[in-house]
Amino acid sequence: MMCPFCLADNGCALDDNNVCWCFQLVVPDDLLALIPPQQKDLVCVCRQCIAFYRTDKRGFLKKFELV
């Protein structure tokens, strides 16, 4: 599955037990709100983008031209 921001493989590990790394991580609601409506529930943000957003929200928004 591709990250909607950096377009890299997000390393989705969803398996038959519905277990993935993302279930153990809190993704900021304001980051999720940036996902385009047509992609909601179809994409997953990668770990790198989540970490980038948390440490440098302004830099993240600029890099992905969201401001």
Protein backbone atom coordinates (compact mmCIF):
# COMPACT_ATOMS: atom_id res chain seq x y z
CA MET A 1 0.00 0.00 0.00
CA MET A 2 1.29 3.46 -0.86
CA CYS A 3 1.56 6.43 1.47
CA PRO A 4 -0.68 9.26 0.19
CA PHE A 5 2.03 11.84 0.90
CA CYS A 6 5.47 10.51 -0.06
CA LEU A 7 4.04 7.75 -2.31
CA ALA A 8 6.44 5.19 -0.82
CA ASP A 9 5.41 1.69 0.19
CA ASN A 10 4.14 2.09 3.76
CA GLY A 11 5.14 -1.43 4.78
CA CYS A 12 1.58 -2.51 5.43
CA ALA A 13 1.67 -5.78 7.32
CA LEU A 14 -2.08 -6.37 7.49
CA ASP A 15 -2.60 -10.11 7.58
CA ASP A 16 -5.40 -12.59 8.15
CA ASN A 17 -5.38 -11.62 11.84
CA ASN A 18 -5.92 -7.94 10.92
CA VAL A 19 -2.64 -6.98 12.58
CA CYS A 20 -0.37 -4.22 11.28
CA TRP A 21 2.29 -1.91 12.72
CA CYS A 22 -0.10 1.02 12.34
CA PHE A 23 -2.49 -0.43 14.93
CA GLN A 24 0.18 0.15 17.57
CA LEU A 25 0.72 3.78 16.59
CA VAL A 26 -1.41 6.85 17.17
CA VAL A 27 -1.70 8.83 13.94
CA PRO A 28 -2.54 12.49 14.59
CA ASP A 29 -6.11 13.30 13.58
CA ASP A 30 -4.99 16.51 11.88
CA LEU A 31 -2.60 14.46 9.72
CA LEU A 32 -5.40 12.06 8.76
CA ALA A 33 -7.55 15.07 7.86
CA LEU A 34 -4.99 15.96 5.15
CA ILE A 35 -5.69 12.77 3.20
CA PRO A 36 -7.77 13.63 0.12
CA PRO A 37 -11.43 12.55 0.55
CA GLN A 38 -11.30 10.19 -2.43
CA GLN A 39 -8.44 8.29 -0.75
CA LYS A 40 -9.96 7.99 2.74
CA ASP A 41 -9.99 4.37 3.96
CA LEU A 42 -7.96 3.30 0.90
CA VAL A 43 -4.48 4.45 1.89
CA CYS A 44 -2.22 4.37 4.95
CA VAL A 45 0.33 6.98 5.97
CA CYS A 46 3.85 5.55 6.32
CA ARG A 47 5.91 5.60 9.53
CA GLN A 48 8.36 8.12 8.09
CA CYS A 49 5.62 10.62 7.23
CA ILE A 50 3.99 10.19 10.64
CA ALA A 51 7.34 10.84 12.35
CA PHE A 52 8.10 13.79 10.05
CA TYR A 53 4.70 15.34 10.75
CA ARG A 54 5.13 14.92 14.50
CA THR A 55 8.61 16.45 14.60
CA ASP A 56 8.20 19.19 11.97
CA LYS A 57 4.57 19.84 11.07
CA ARG A 58 5.38 23.04 9.16
CA GLY A 59 8.19 21.33 7.22
CA PHE A 60 5.87 18.43 6.37
CA LEU A 61 3.14 20.75 5.10
CA LYS A 62 5.63 22.68 2.97
CA LYS A 63 7.34 19.58 1.56
CA PHE A 64 4.07 18.10 0.38
CA GLU A 65 2.67 21.49 -0.70
CA LEU A 66 -0.23 21.40 1.74
CA VAL A 67 0.07 25.09 2.75
